[in-house]
Amino acid sequence: MLTDIALKRLKPKDKMYKVADRDGMYAAVSPTGQIAFRYDYRTNGRRETVTLGRYGNGGLTLAEARDRCLAARKMVAAGKSPAQEKQREKRRLSGTASFGDQGKRWLKEAKMAD
């Protein structure tokens, strides 16, 4: 299980590596030294990962990351994919439609030759 002291002592390596916490959450340490909290889960028979946030100045604390992990676990228990919900929310906030949505709109609005 991770602690703030253990997180501060993590050093970058040549490749990204993971340090497990609990309940499927882990800290991913990049070669640049950035630490991101991630959560691995299974939904619809496939493994997925959602990034909960970054650790450090301006980022999440370990307690906040665990709270987000708990919320993501509840979503998985309800049959939802936290990663897909996060993508939907990003698209909603940015106002851009997915490729599939754009394709449907084009098919609906396109004028076909006779």
N, C-alpha and C. Protein backbone atom coordinates (compact mmCIF):
# COMPACT_ATOMS: atom_id res chain seq x y z
N MET A 1 0.84 -1.17 0.00
CA MET A 1 0.00 0.00 0.00
C MET A 1 0.90 1.24 0.00
N LEU A 2 0.50 2.23 -0.80
CA LEU A 2 1.30 3.45 -0.93
C LEU A 2 1.10 4.41 0.24
N THR A 3 2.11 5.22 0.45
CA THR A 3 2.04 6.33 1.41
C THR A 3 2.61 7.56 0.71
N ASP A 4 2.37 8.74 1.27
CA ASP A 4 2.93 9.96 0.68
C ASP A 4 4.46 9.91 0.67
N ILE A 5 5.04 9.38 1.73
CA ILE A 5 6.50 9.29 1.79
C ILE A 5 7.02 8.37 0.70
N ALA A 6 6.36 7.22 0.51
CA ALA A 6 6.78 6.28 -0.53
C ALA A 6 6.65 6.92 -1.91
N LEU A 7 5.57 7.69 -2.15
CA LEU A 7 5.39 8.35 -3.44
C LEU A 7 6.50 9.36 -3.70
N LYS A 8 6.87 10.11 -2.69
CA LYS A 8 7.92 11.12 -2.85
C LYS A 8 9.29 10.49 -3.11
N ARG A 9 9.47 9.26 -2.69
CA ARG A 9 10.76 8.57 -2.87
C ARG A 9 10.87 7.85 -4.21
N LEU A 10 9.78 7.78 -4.97
CA LEU A 10 9.83 7.08 -6.26
C LEU A 10 10.72 7.83 -7.23
N LYS A 11 11.59 7.11 -7.89
CA LYS A 11 12.54 7.68 -8.84
C LYS A 11 12.21 7.21 -10.25
N PRO A 12 12.42 8.08 -11.25
CA PRO A 12 12.16 7.66 -12.63
C PRO A 12 13.16 6.59 -13.09
N LYS A 13 12.69 5.76 -14.01
CA LYS A 13 13.54 4.73 -14.62
C LYS A 13 13.48 4.92 -16.13
N ASP A 14 14.18 4.07 -16.86
CA ASP A 14 14.21 4.18 -18.32
C ASP A 14 12.83 3.99 -18.94
N LYS A 15 12.01 3.15 -18.31
CA LYS A 15 10.66 2.87 -18.81
C LYS A 15 9.65 3.15 -17.71
N MET A 16 8.42 3.40 -18.12
CA MET A 16 7.35 3.60 -17.16
C MET A 16 7.19 2.34 -16.32
N TYR A 17 6.97 2.51 -15.01
CA TYR A 17 6.73 1.36 -14.15
C TYR A 17 5.58 1.67 -13.20
N LYS A 18 5.02 0.60 -12.63
CA LYS A 18 3.85 0.71 -11.77
C LYS A 18 4.20 0.33 -10.34
N VAL A 19 3.55 1.01 -9.38
CA VAL A 19 3.68 0.67 -7.97
C VAL A 19 2.25 0.51 -7.45
N ALA A 20 1.91 -0.71 -7.03
CA ALA A 20 0.53 -1.02 -6.63
C ALA A 20 0.15 -0.34 -5.33
N ASP A 21 -1.12 0.05 -5.25
CA ASP A 21 -1.67 0.58 -4.00
C ASP A 21 -2.66 -0.44 -3.46
N ARG A 22 -3.93 -0.32 -3.84
CA ARG A 22 -4.95 -1.28 -3.42
C ARG A 22 -6.18 -1.11 -4.31
N ASP A 23 -7.03 -2.11 -4.30
CA ASP A 23 -8.30 -2.08 -5.04
C ASP A 23 -8.12 -1.78 -6.52
N GLY A 24 -7.01 -2.23 -7.11
CA GLY A 24 -6.78 -2.03 -8.54
C GLY A 24 -6.12 -0.70 -8.87
N MET A 25 -5.90 0.15 -7.88
CA MET A 25 -5.25 1.44 -8.12
C MET A 25 -3.74 1.29 -8.01
N TYR A 26 -3.03 2.06 -8.81
CA TYR A 26 -1.57 2.06 -8.75
C TYR A 26 -1.03 3.41 -9.18
N ALA A 27 0.22 3.64 -8.86
CA ALA A 27 0.92 4.84 -9.30
C ALA A 27 1.79 4.44 -10.48
N ALA A 28 1.65 5.16 -11.59
CA ALA A 28 2.48 4.93 -12.77
C ALA A 28 3.54 6.01 -12.80
N VAL A 29 4.80 5.60 -12.78
CA VAL A 29 5.92 6.55 -12.76
C VAL A 29 6.54 6.59 -14.15
N SER A 30 6.52 7.77 -14.76
CA SER A 30 7.05 7.92 -16.12
C SER A 30 8.56 8.15 -16.09
N PRO A 31 9.22 7.99 -17.24
CA PRO A 31 10.66 8.25 -17.30
C PRO A 31 11.03 9.70 -16.95
N THR A 32 10.07 10.62 -17.07
CA THR A 32 10.32 12.02 -16.72
C THR A 32 10.12 12.28 -15.24
N GLY A 33 9.61 11.28 -14.51
CA GLY A 33 9.40 11.42 -13.08
C GLY A 33 7.99 11.79 -12.68
N GLN A 34 7.11 12.02 -13.66
CA GLN A 34 5.72 12.32 -13.33
C GLN A 34 5.04 11.07 -12.80
N ILE A 35 4.17 11.27 -11.81
CA ILE A 35 3.44 10.16 -11.21
C ILE A 35 1.96 10.37 -11.47
N ALA A 36 1.32 9.36 -12.05
CA ALA A 36 -0.12 9.42 -12.31
C ALA A 36 -0.78 8.26 -11.59
N PHE A 37 -1.94 8.54 -11.02
CA PHE A 37 -2.73 7.48 -10.39
C PHE A 37 -3.64 6.88 -11.45
N ARG A 38 -3.67 5.56 -11.52
CA ARG A 38 -4.51 4.85 -12.49
C ARG A 38 -5.26 3.74 -11.78
N TYR A 39 -6.35 3.33 -12.42
CA TYR A 39 -7.19 2.26 -11.87
C TYR A 39 -7.47 1.27 -12.98
N ASP A 40 -7.13 0.00 -12.76
CA ASP A 40 -7.41 -1.08 -13.70
C ASP A 40 -8.67 -1.81 -13.26
N TYR A 41 -9.52 -2.13 -14.23
CA TYR A 41 -10.76 -2.84 -13.92
C TYR A 41 -11.19 -3.65 -15.14
N ARG A 42 -12.18 -4.48 -14.95
CA ARG A 42 -12.73 -5.28 -16.04
C ARG A 42 -14.19 -4.92 -16.22
N THR A 43 -14.57 -4.70 -17.47
CA THR A 43 -15.97 -4.45 -17.80
C THR A 43 -16.27 -5.11 -19.14
N ASN A 44 -17.41 -5.74 -19.22
CA ASN A 44 -17.82 -6.46 -20.43
C ASN A 44 -16.75 -7.43 -20.91
N GLY A 45 -16.07 -8.08 -19.97
CA GLY A 45 -15.09 -9.09 -20.30
C GLY A 45 -13.75 -8.57 -20.78
N ARG A 46 -13.53 -7.26 -20.71
CA ARG A 46 -12.24 -6.75 -21.15
C ARG A 46 -11.63 -5.82 -20.10
N ARG A 47 -10.31 -5.78 -20.11
CA ARG A 47 -9.57 -4.98 -19.15
C ARG A 47 -9.48 -3.54 -19.65
N GLU A 48 -9.75 -2.60 -18.76
CA GLU A 48 -9.65 -1.19 -19.10
C GLU A 48 -8.90 -0.46 -17.99
N THR A 49 -8.39 0.70 -18.32
CA THR A 49 -7.66 1.53 -17.37
C THR A 49 -8.18 2.96 -17.47
N VAL A 50 -8.35 3.59 -16.32
CA VAL A 50 -8.70 5.01 -16.30
C VAL A 50 -7.64 5.74 -15.48
N THR A 51 -7.21 6.89 -15.97
CA THR A 51 -6.27 7.72 -15.22
C THR A 51 -7.08 8.60 -14.28
N LEU A 52 -6.76 8.51 -13.01
CA LEU A 52 -7.50 9.26 -11.98
C LEU A 52 -6.96 10.67 -11.83
N GLY A 53 -5.69 10.87 -12.10
CA GLY A 53 -5.08 12.19 -12.00
C GLY A 53 -3.60 12.08 -11.70
N ARG A 54 -2.94 13.23 -11.70
CA ARG A 54 -1.50 13.29 -11.41
C ARG A 54 -1.25 13.60 -9.95
N TYR A 55 -0.12 13.14 -9.49
CA TYR A 55 0.31 13.39 -8.11
C TYR A 55 1.30 14.55 -8.11
N GLY A 56 1.27 15.34 -7.07
CA GLY A 56 2.26 16.40 -6.92
C GLY A 56 1.63 17.78 -6.87
N ASN A 57 2.47 18.80 -7.06
CA ASN A 57 2.00 20.19 -7.01
C ASN A 57 0.89 20.43 -8.02
N GLY A 58 -0.24 20.92 -7.55
CA GLY A 58 -1.37 21.18 -8.43
C GLY A 58 -2.13 19.94 -8.82
N GLY A 59 -1.72 18.79 -8.34
CA GLY A 59 -2.38 17.54 -8.67
C GLY A 59 -3.13 16.97 -7.48
N LEU A 60 -3.37 15.69 -7.53
CA LEU A 60 -4.12 15.01 -6.49
C LEU A 60 -3.24 14.59 -5.32
N THR A 61 -3.86 14.52 -4.16
CA THR A 61 -3.20 13.87 -3.03
C THR A 61 -3.53 12.39 -3.12
N LEU A 62 -2.85 11.59 -2.35
CA LEU A 62 -3.13 10.15 -2.32
C LEU A 62 -4.56 9.89 -1.86
N ALA A 63 -5.04 10.64 -0.87
CA ALA A 63 -6.41 10.46 -0.38
C ALA A 63 -7.43 10.81 -1.45
N GLU A 64 -7.19 11.88 -2.22
CA GLU A 64 -8.11 12.26 -3.30
C GLU A 64 -8.12 11.20 -4.39
N ALA A 65 -6.97 10.64 -4.70
CA ALA A 65 -6.89 9.58 -5.72
C ALA A 65 -7.68 8.36 -5.26
N ARG A 66 -7.56 8.01 -3.99
CA ARG A 66 -8.32 6.87 -3.47
C ARG A 66 -9.82 7.14 -3.51
N ASP A 67 -10.23 8.38 -3.24
CA ASP A 67 -11.65 8.73 -3.35
C ASP A 67 -12.14 8.57 -4.78
N ARG A 68 -11.34 9.03 -5.75
CA ARG A 68 -11.72 8.88 -7.16
C ARG A 68 -11.76 7.41 -7.55
N CYS A 69 -10.85 6.63 -7.01
CA CYS A 69 -10.83 5.19 -7.28
C CYS A 69 -12.10 4.54 -6.75
N LEU A 70 -12.52 4.93 -5.55
CA LEU A 70 -13.75 4.40 -4.97
C LEU A 70 -14.95 4.75 -5.85
N ALA A 71 -15.01 5.99 -6.34
CA ALA A 71 -16.11 6.39 -7.23
C ALA A 71 -16.09 5.57 -8.52
N ALA A 72 -14.89 5.32 -9.05
CA ALA A 72 -14.77 4.51 -10.27
C ALA A 72 -15.20 3.08 -10.01
N ARG A 73 -14.85 2.54 -8.85
CA ARG A 73 -15.25 1.17 -8.49
C ARG A 73 -16.78 1.07 -8.43
N LYS A 74 -17.43 2.10 -7.91
CA LYS A 74 -18.90 2.11 -7.84
C LYS A 74 -19.50 2.13 -9.24
N MET A 75 -18.87 2.87 -10.16
CA MET A 75 -19.35 2.90 -11.55
C MET A 75 -19.24 1.52 -12.18
N VAL A 76 -18.12 0.85 -11.95
CA VAL A 76 -17.92 -0.50 -12.50
C VAL A 76 -18.97 -1.45 -11.93
N ALA A 77 -19.25 -1.33 -10.63
CA ALA A 77 -20.25 -2.19 -10.00
C ALA A 77 -21.64 -1.93 -10.59
N ALA A 78 -21.87 -0.70 -11.08
CA ALA A 78 -23.16 -0.36 -11.70
C ALA A 78 -23.18 -0.71 -13.18
N GLY A 79 -22.09 -1.31 -13.68
CA GLY A 79 -22.05 -1.73 -15.08
C GLY A 79 -21.57 -0.66 -16.04
N LYS A 80 -20.99 0.41 -15.53
CA LYS A 80 -20.50 1.49 -16.39
C LYS A 80 -18.98 1.44 -16.47
N SER A 81 -18.44 2.02 -17.54
CA SER A 81 -17.00 2.10 -17.72
C SER A 81 -16.52 3.50 -17.34
N PRO A 82 -15.72 3.63 -16.28
CA PRO A 82 -15.23 4.96 -15.90
C PRO A 82 -14.43 5.65 -17.01
N ALA A 83 -13.66 4.90 -17.77
CA ALA A 83 -12.86 5.49 -18.84
C ALA A 83 -13.76 6.06 -19.93
N GLN A 84 -14.80 5.32 -20.31
CA GLN A 84 -15.72 5.80 -21.34
C GLN A 84 -16.53 6.99 -20.84
N GLU A 85 -16.93 6.97 -19.58
CA GLU A 85 -17.66 8.10 -19.01
C GLU A 85 -16.78 9.34 -18.99
N LYS A 86 -15.50 9.17 -18.68
CA LYS A 86 -14.56 10.29 -18.66
C LYS A 86 -14.42 10.89 -20.07
N GLN A 87 -14.33 10.03 -21.09
CA GLN A 87 -14.24 10.50 -22.47
C GLN A 87 -15.50 11.24 -22.88
N ARG A 88 -16.67 10.71 -22.51
CA ARG A 88 -17.93 11.38 -22.83
C ARG A 88 -17.98 12.77 -22.20
N GLU A 89 -17.56 12.86 -20.95
CA GLU A 89 -17.57 14.14 -20.25
C GLU A 89 -16.62 15.13 -20.92
N LYS A 90 -15.45 14.67 -21.35
CA LYS A 90 -14.50 15.54 -22.06
C LYS A 90 -15.11 16.06 -23.35
N ARG A 91 -15.76 15.17 -24.11
CA ARG A 91 -16.39 15.58 -25.37
C ARG A 91 -17.52 16.57 -25.11
N ARG A 92 -18.29 16.32 -24.06
CA ARG A 92 -19.40 17.21 -23.73
C ARG A 92 -18.87 18.60 -23.39
N LEU A 93 -17.80 18.66 -22.60
CA LEU A 93 -17.24 19.95 -22.20
C LEU A 93 -16.57 20.68 -23.36
N SER A 94 -15.96 19.93 -24.27
CA SER A 94 -15.29 20.57 -25.40
C SER A 94 -16.25 20.85 -26.55
N GLY A 95 -17.41 20.23 -26.52
CA GLY A 95 -18.41 20.47 -27.57
C GLY A 95 -18.14 19.71 -28.85
N THR A 96 -17.21 18.77 -28.85
CA THR A 96 -16.93 18.01 -30.06
C THR A 96 -17.62 16.65 -30.00
N ALA A 97 -18.07 16.23 -31.14
CA ALA A 97 -18.74 14.94 -31.25
C ALA A 97 -17.71 13.86 -31.56
N SER A 98 -18.06 12.62 -31.26
CA SER A 98 -17.17 11.51 -31.58
C SER A 98 -17.15 11.29 -33.10
N PHE A 99 -16.20 10.49 -33.56
CA PHE A 99 -16.11 10.19 -34.98
C PHE A 99 -17.41 9.56 -35.48
N GLY A 100 -17.97 8.64 -34.68
CA GLY A 100 -19.22 7.99 -35.05
C GLY A 100 -20.37 8.98 -35.16
N ASP A 101 -20.44 9.91 -34.21
CA ASP A 101 -21.49 10.94 -34.25
C ASP A 101 -21.34 11.83 -35.47
N GLN A 102 -20.11 12.20 -35.80
CA GLN A 102 -19.87 13.03 -36.98
C GLN A 102 -20.24 12.28 -38.25
N GLY A 103 -19.93 10.99 -38.30
CA GLY A 103 -20.29 10.19 -39.47
C GLY A 103 -21.79 10.09 -39.65
N LYS A 104 -22.52 9.88 -38.57
CA LYS A 104 -23.99 9.83 -38.65
C LYS A 104 -24.56 11.15 -39.13
N ARG A 105 -24.01 12.26 -38.62
CA ARG A 105 -24.51 13.58 -39.04
C ARG A 105 -24.22 13.79 -40.52
N TRP A 106 -23.04 13.39 -40.99
CA TRP A 106 -22.70 13.56 -42.39
C TRP A 106 -23.64 12.75 -43.27
N LEU A 107 -23.91 11.50 -42.89
CA LEU A 107 -24.81 10.66 -43.68
C LEU A 107 -26.21 11.26 -43.74
N LYS A 108 -26.65 11.84 -42.64
CA LYS A 108 -27.98 12.43 -42.58
C LYS A 108 -28.06 13.70 -43.44
N GLU A 109 -27.00 14.50 -43.43
CA GLU A 109 -27.04 15.80 -44.10
C GLU A 109 -26.48 15.77 -45.52
N ALA A 110 -25.76 14.74 -45.89
CA ALA A 110 -25.12 14.70 -47.21
C ALA A 110 -26.16 14.56 -48.31
N LYS A 111 -25.89 15.25 -49.40
CA LYS A 111 -26.77 15.14 -50.56
C LYS A 111 -26.14 14.14 -51.51
N MET A 112 -26.87 13.11 -51.81
CA MET A 112 -26.36 12.06 -52.68
C MET A 112 -26.72 12.36 -54.14
N ALA A 113 -25.85 11.96 -55.05
CA ALA A 113 -26.11 12.16 -56.48
C ALA A 113 -27.22 11.22 -56.93
N ASP A 114 -28.00 11.68 -57.90
CA ASP A 114 -29.10 10.85 -58.42
C ASP A 114 -28.62 9.76 -59.30
